[in-house]
Amino acid sequence: MLRFIMSLSRDERGVSALEYAILAAIVVAALVSVGTVFSGADGLSALFTTLFTKIKAQLPA
C-alpha cells in the first residue's frame, strides 16, 4: 500500500490538466472583473462610443 501511495505522489500525468484548469479560472475571473469595472453608463460602451465619434470627426467627408 505504501508503494502505491509513493507511486501516486511521483505521477505527474494529471498535473498539466490541473494547471490549465487553474489558468482558465484566472482568465475567467479577470474577464468578470474587467466587465464589472467597465459596466454602466460610463463604462466600456461609452468609451467606444466616444472613441468612434472622435475617429469619425477626423475622417474627411
PDB file of N, CA and C in Angstrom:
ATOM      1  N   MET A   1       0.823  -1.195   0.000  1.00  0.00           N
ATOM      2  CA  MET A   1       0.000   0.000   0.000  1.00  0.00           C
ATOM      3  C   MET A   1       0.869   1.261   0.000  1.00  0.00           C
ATOM      4  N   LEU A   2       1.932   1.233   0.777  1.00  0.00           N
ATOM      5  CA  LEU A   2       2.842   2.372   0.833  1.00  0.00           C
ATOM      6  C   LEU A   2       3.509   2.600  -0.519  1.00  0.00           C
ATOM      7  N   ARG A   3       3.839   1.521  -1.210  1.00  0.00           N
ATOM      8  CA  ARG A   3       4.452   1.639  -2.523  1.00  0.00           C
ATOM      9  C   ARG A   3       3.480   2.295  -3.521  1.00  0.00           C
ATOM     10  N   PHE A   4       2.189   1.959  -3.433  1.00  0.00           N
ATOM     11  CA  PHE A   4       1.172   2.559  -4.298  1.00  0.00           C
ATOM     12  C   PHE A   4       1.049   4.059  -4.039  1.00  0.00           C
ATOM     13  N   ILE A   5       1.049   4.468  -2.790  1.00  0.00           N
ATOM     14  CA  ILE A   5       0.957   5.890  -2.436  1.00  0.00           C
ATOM     15  C   ILE A   5       2.199   6.632  -2.916  1.00  0.00           C
ATOM     16  N   MET A   6       3.352   6.033  -2.786  1.00  0.00           N
ATOM     17  CA  MET A   6       4.582   6.664  -3.251  1.00  0.00           C
ATOM     18  C   MET A   6       4.561   6.818  -4.777  1.00  0.00           C
ATOM     19  N   SER A   7       4.032   5.830  -5.497  1.00  0.00           N
ATOM     20  CA  SER A   7       3.976   5.939  -6.957  1.00  0.00           C
ATOM     21  C   SER A   7       2.976   7.015  -7.379  1.00  0.00           C
ATOM     22  N   LEU A   8       1.888   7.181  -6.635  1.00  0.00           N
ATOM     23  CA  LEU A   8       0.946   8.251  -6.934  1.00  0.00           C
ATOM     24  C   LEU A   8       1.545   9.625  -6.694  1.00  0.00           C
ATOM     25  N   SER A   9       2.381   9.753  -5.682  1.00  0.00           N
ATOM     26  CA  SER A   9       2.988  11.054  -5.389  1.00  0.00           C
ATOM     27  C   SER A   9       3.992  11.464  -6.461  1.00  0.00           C
ATOM     28  N   ARG A  10       4.568  10.478  -7.181  1.00  0.00           N
ATOM     29  CA  ARG A  10       5.528  10.788  -8.238  1.00  0.00           C
ATOM     30  C   ARG A  10       4.884  10.890  -9.619  1.00  0.00           C
ATOM     31  N   ASP A  11       3.632  10.523  -9.747  1.00  0.00           N
ATOM     32  CA  ASP A  11       2.939  10.545 -11.037  1.00  0.00           C
ATOM     33  C   ASP A  11       2.527  11.973 -11.373  1.00  0.00           C
ATOM     34  N   GLU A  12       2.970  12.477 -12.525  1.00  0.00           N
ATOM     35  CA  GLU A  12       2.703  13.862 -12.916  1.00  0.00           C
ATOM     36  C   GLU A  12       1.827  13.968 -14.154  1.00  0.00           C
ATOM     37  N   ARG A  13       1.106  12.924 -14.520  1.00  0.00           N
ATOM     38  CA  ARG A  13       0.302  12.946 -15.733  1.00  0.00           C
ATOM     39  C   ARG A  13      -0.878  13.914 -15.644  1.00  0.00           C
ATOM     40  N   GLY A  14      -1.502  14.066 -14.503  1.00  0.00           N
ATOM     41  CA  GLY A  14      -2.663  14.928 -14.368  1.00  0.00           C
ATOM     42  C   GLY A  14      -2.327  16.350 -13.988  1.00  0.00           C
ATOM     43  N   VAL A  15      -1.070  16.647 -13.784  1.00  0.00           N
ATOM     44  CA  VAL A  15      -0.667  17.971 -13.325  1.00  0.00           C
ATOM     45  C   VAL A  15      -0.939  19.036 -14.382  1.00  0.00           C
ATOM     46  N   SER A  16      -0.689  18.753 -15.636  1.00  0.00           N
ATOM     47  CA  SER A  16      -0.882  19.766 -16.667  1.00  0.00           C
ATOM     48  C   SER A  16      -2.360  20.104 -16.832  1.00  0.00           C
ATOM     49  N   ALA A  17      -3.242  19.130 -16.699  1.00  0.00           N
ATOM     50  CA  ALA A  17      -4.676  19.408 -16.771  1.00  0.00           C
ATOM     51  C   ALA A  17      -5.105  20.305 -15.612  1.00  0.00           C
ATOM     52  N   LEU A  18      -4.566  20.071 -14.456  1.00  0.00           N
ATOM     53  CA  LEU A  18      -4.871  20.912 -13.302  1.00  0.00           C
ATOM     54  C   LEU A  18      -4.345  22.326 -13.509  1.00  0.00           C
ATOM     55  N   GLU A  19      -3.168  22.455 -14.075  1.00  0.00           N
ATOM     56  CA  GLU A  19      -2.606  23.778 -14.348  1.00  0.00           C
ATOM     57  C   GLU A  19      -3.457  24.551 -15.354  1.00  0.00           C
ATOM     58  N   TYR A  20      -3.940  23.867 -16.391  1.00  0.00           N
ATOM     59  CA  TYR A  20      -4.809  24.522 -17.373  1.00  0.00           C
ATOM     60  C   TYR A  20      -6.136  24.936 -16.747  1.00  0.00           C
ATOM     61  N   ALA A  21      -6.664  24.134 -15.859  1.00  0.00           N
ATOM     62  CA  ALA A  21      -7.915  24.479 -15.186  1.00  0.00           C
ATOM     63  C   ALA A  21      -7.735  25.710 -14.304  1.00  0.00           C
ATOM     64  N   ILE A  22      -6.630  25.786 -13.601  1.00  0.00           N
ATOM     65  CA  ILE A  22      -6.358  26.954 -12.752  1.00  0.00           C
ATOM     66  C   ILE A  22      -6.154  28.193 -13.620  1.00  0.00           C
ATOM     67  N   LEU A  23      -5.440  28.061 -14.716  1.00  0.00           N
ATOM     68  CA  LEU A  23      -5.225  29.181 -15.626  1.00  0.00           C
ATOM     69  C   LEU A  23      -6.546  29.663 -16.226  1.00  0.00           C
ATOM     70  N   ALA A  24      -7.419  28.741 -16.604  1.00  0.00           N
ATOM     71  CA  ALA A  24      -8.726  29.116 -17.144  1.00  0.00           C
ATOM     72  C   ALA A  24      -9.558  29.840 -16.095  1.00  0.00           C
ATOM     73  N   ALA A  25      -9.494  29.407 -14.857  1.00  0.00           N
ATOM     74  CA  ALA A  25     -10.229  30.074 -13.786  1.00  0.00           C
ATOM     75  C   ALA A  25      -9.709  31.494 -13.566  1.00  0.00           C
ATOM     76  N   ILE A  26      -8.420  31.690 -13.667  1.00  0.00           N
ATOM     77  CA  ILE A  26      -7.837  33.024 -13.510  1.00  0.00           C
ATOM     78  C   ILE A  26      -8.274  33.932 -14.659  1.00  0.00           C
ATOM     79  N   VAL A  27      -8.302  33.407 -15.872  1.00  0.00           N
ATOM     80  CA  VAL A  27      -8.730  34.204 -17.026  1.00  0.00           C
ATOM     81  C   VAL A  27     -10.192  34.595 -16.894  1.00  0.00           C
ATOM     82  N   VAL A  28     -11.041  33.666 -16.478  1.00  0.00           N
ATOM     83  CA  VAL A  28     -12.457  33.966 -16.295  1.00  0.00           C
ATOM     84  C   VAL A  28     -12.647  35.012 -15.205  1.00  0.00           C
ATOM     85  N   ALA A  29     -11.925  34.897 -14.105  1.00  0.00           N
ATOM     86  CA  ALA A  29     -12.028  35.879 -13.029  1.00  0.00           C
ATOM     87  C   ALA A  29     -11.584  37.259 -13.499  1.00  0.00           C
ATOM     88  N   ALA A  30     -10.537  37.311 -14.319  1.00  0.00           N
ATOM     89  CA  ALA A  30     -10.071  38.596 -14.849  1.00  0.00           C
ATOM     90  C   ALA A  30     -11.104  39.210 -15.780  1.00  0.00           C
ATOM     91  N   LEU A  31     -11.713  38.401 -16.642  1.00  0.00           N
ATOM     92  CA  LEU A  31     -12.741  38.915 -17.554  1.00  0.00           C
ATOM     93  C   LEU A  31     -13.964  39.420 -16.803  1.00  0.00           C
ATOM     94  N   VAL A  32     -14.362  38.705 -15.769  1.00  0.00           N
ATOM     95  CA  VAL A  32     -15.512  39.138 -14.971  1.00  0.00           C
ATOM     96  C   VAL A  32     -15.201  40.437 -14.259  1.00  0.00           C
ATOM     97  N   SER A  33     -14.014  40.570 -13.712  1.00  0.00           N
ATOM     98  CA  SER A  33     -13.670  41.802 -13.005  1.00  0.00           C
ATOM     99  C   SER A  33     -13.564  42.990 -13.958  1.00  0.00           C
ATOM    100  N   VAL A  34     -13.023  42.782 -15.149  1.00  0.00           N
ATOM    101  CA  VAL A  34     -12.946  43.858 -16.140  1.00  0.00           C
ATOM    102  C   VAL A  34     -14.349  44.255 -16.586  1.00  0.00           C
ATOM    103  N   GLY A  35     -15.205  43.270 -16.803  1.00  0.00           N
ATOM    104  CA  GLY A  35     -16.583  43.558 -17.177  1.00  0.00           C
ATOM    105  C   GLY A  35     -17.330  44.317 -16.107  1.00  0.00           C
ATOM    106  N   THR A  36     -17.067  44.009 -14.856  1.00  0.00           N
ATOM    107  CA  THR A  36     -17.710  44.703 -13.747  1.00  0.00           C
ATOM    108  C   THR A  36     -17.214  46.133 -13.639  1.00  0.00           C
ATOM    109  N   VAL A  37     -15.933  46.344 -13.826  1.00  0.00           N
ATOM    110  CA  VAL A  37     -15.358  47.688 -13.712  1.00  0.00           C
ATOM    111  C   VAL A  37     -15.868  48.593 -14.826  1.00  0.00           C
ATOM    112  N   PHE A  38     -15.969  48.053 -16.043  1.00  0.00           N
ATOM    113  CA  PHE A  38     -16.349  48.874 -17.188  1.00  0.00           C
ATOM    114  C   PHE A  38     -17.835  48.799 -17.533  1.00  0.00           C
ATOM    115  N   SER A  39     -18.666  48.375 -16.628  1.00  0.00           N
ATOM    116  CA  SER A  39     -20.092  48.333 -16.918  1.00  0.00           C
ATOM    117  C   SER A  39     -20.748  49.628 -16.452  1.00  0.00           C
ATOM    118  N   GLY A  40     -21.950  49.864 -16.906  1.00  0.00           N
ATOM    119  CA  GLY A  40     -22.683  51.060 -16.509  1.00  0.00           C
ATOM    120  C   GLY A  40     -22.683  52.112 -17.589  1.00  0.00           C
ATOM    121  N   ALA A  41     -23.217  53.285 -17.269  1.00  0.00           N
ATOM    122  CA  ALA A  41     -23.377  54.365 -18.244  1.00  0.00           C
ATOM    123  C   ALA A  41     -22.033  54.925 -18.703  1.00  0.00           C
ATOM    124  N   ASP A  42     -21.052  54.944 -17.837  1.00  0.00           N
ATOM    125  CA  ASP A  42     -19.729  55.464 -18.188  1.00  0.00           C
ATOM    126  C   ASP A  42     -18.739  54.329 -18.441  1.00  0.00           C
ATOM    127  N   GLY A  43     -19.254  53.195 -18.814  1.00  0.00           N
ATOM    128  CA  GLY A  43     -18.421  52.012 -18.951  1.00  0.00           C
ATOM    129  C   GLY A  43     -17.799  51.858 -20.318  1.00  0.00           C
ATOM    130  N   LEU A  44     -17.629  50.618 -20.692  1.00  0.00           N
ATOM    131  CA  LEU A  44     -16.917  50.277 -21.914  1.00  0.00           C
ATOM    132  C   LEU A  44     -17.659  50.731 -23.166  1.00  0.00           C
ATOM    133  N   SER A  45     -18.976  50.619 -23.180  1.00  0.00           N
ATOM    134  CA  SER A  45     -19.715  51.047 -24.369  1.00  0.00           C
ATOM    135  C   SER A  45     -19.605  52.555 -24.571  1.00  0.00           C
ATOM    136  N   ALA A  46     -19.625  53.321 -23.481  1.00  0.00           N
ATOM    137  CA  ALA A  46     -19.459  54.771 -23.598  1.00  0.00           C
ATOM    138  C   ALA A  46     -18.055  55.118 -24.088  1.00  0.00           C
ATOM    139  N   LEU A  47     -17.082  54.357 -23.667  1.00  0.00           N
ATOM    140  CA  LEU A  47     -15.709  54.571 -24.107  1.00  0.00           C
ATOM    141  C   LEU A  47     -15.589  54.360 -25.615  1.00  0.00           C
ATOM    142  N   PHE A  48     -16.175  53.269 -26.116  1.00  0.00           N
ATOM    143  CA  PHE A  48     -16.115  53.003 -27.555  1.00  0.00           C
ATOM    144  C   PHE A  48     -16.931  54.016 -28.347  1.00  0.00           C
ATOM    145  N   THR A  49     -18.058  54.442 -27.815  1.00  0.00           N
ATOM    146  CA  THR A  49     -18.861  55.451 -28.497  1.00  0.00           C
ATOM    147  C   THR A  49     -18.076  56.745 -28.644  1.00  0.00           C
ATOM    148  N   THR A  50     -17.432  57.179 -27.598  1.00  0.00           N
ATOM    149  CA  THR A  50     -16.609  58.383 -27.648  1.00  0.00           C
ATOM    150  C   THR A  50     -15.443  58.215 -28.615  1.00  0.00           C
ATOM    151  N   LEU A  51     -14.820  57.064 -28.582  1.00  0.00           N
ATOM    152  CA  LEU A  51     -13.685  56.792 -29.462  1.00  0.00           C
ATOM    153  C   LEU A  51     -14.102  56.852 -30.929  1.00  0.00           C
ATOM    154  N   PHE A  52     -15.192  56.174 -31.282  1.00  0.00           N
ATOM    155  CA  PHE A  52     -15.635  56.167 -32.673  1.00  0.00           C
ATOM    156  C   PHE A  52     -16.144  57.538 -33.112  1.00  0.00           C
ATOM    157  N   THR A  53     -16.733  58.297 -32.212  1.00  0.00           N
ATOM    158  CA  THR A  53     -17.167  59.650 -32.554  1.00  0.00           C
ATOM    159  C   THR A  53     -15.970  60.536 -32.895  1.00  0.00           C
ATOM    160  N   LYS A  54     -14.902  60.415 -32.109  1.00  0.00           N
ATOM    161  CA  LYS A  54     -13.692  61.192 -32.376  1.00  0.00           C
ATOM    162  C   LYS A  54     -13.016  60.758 -33.674  1.00  0.00           C
ATOM    163  N   ILE A  55     -13.037  59.459 -33.952  1.00  0.00           N
ATOM    164  CA  ILE A  55     -12.437  58.969 -35.194  1.00  0.00           C
ATOM    165  C   ILE A  55     -13.232  59.459 -36.395  1.00  0.00           C
ATOM    166  N   LYS A  56     -14.562  59.403 -36.322  1.00  0.00           N
ATOM    167  CA  LYS A  56     -15.394  59.870 -37.430  1.00  0.00           C
ATOM    168  C   LYS A  56     -15.232  61.382 -37.658  1.00  0.00           C
ATOM    169  N   ALA A  57     -14.990  62.134 -36.599  1.00  0.00           N
ATOM    170  CA  ALA A  57     -14.805  63.586 -36.745  1.00  0.00           C
ATOM    171  C   ALA A  57     -13.493  63.878 -37.469  1.00  0.00           C
ATOM    172  N   GLN A  58     -12.517  63.020 -37.385  1.00  0.00           N
ATOM    173  CA  GLN A  58     -11.219  63.247 -38.025  1.00  0.00           C
ATOM    174  C   GLN A  58     -11.188  62.807 -39.480  1.00  0.00           C
ATOM    175  N   LEU A  59     -12.138  61.970 -39.888  1.00  0.00           N
ATOM    176  CA  LEU A  59     -12.155  61.478 -41.261  1.00  0.00           C
ATOM    177  C   LEU A  59     -12.690  62.528 -42.216  1.00  0.00           C
ATOM    178  N   PRO A  60     -12.147  62.583 -43.423  1.00  0.00           N
ATOM    179  CA  PRO A  60     -12.670  63.528 -44.405  1.00  0.00           C
ATOM    180  C   PRO A  60     -14.071  63.104 -44.872  1.00  0.00           C
ATOM    181  N   ALA A  61     -14.892  64.075 -45.150  1.00  0.00           N
ATOM    182  CA  ALA A  61     -16.272  63.785 -45.545  1.00  0.00           C
ATOM    183  C   ALA A  61     -16.405  63.265 -46.937  1.00  0.00           C
TER     184      ALA A  61
END
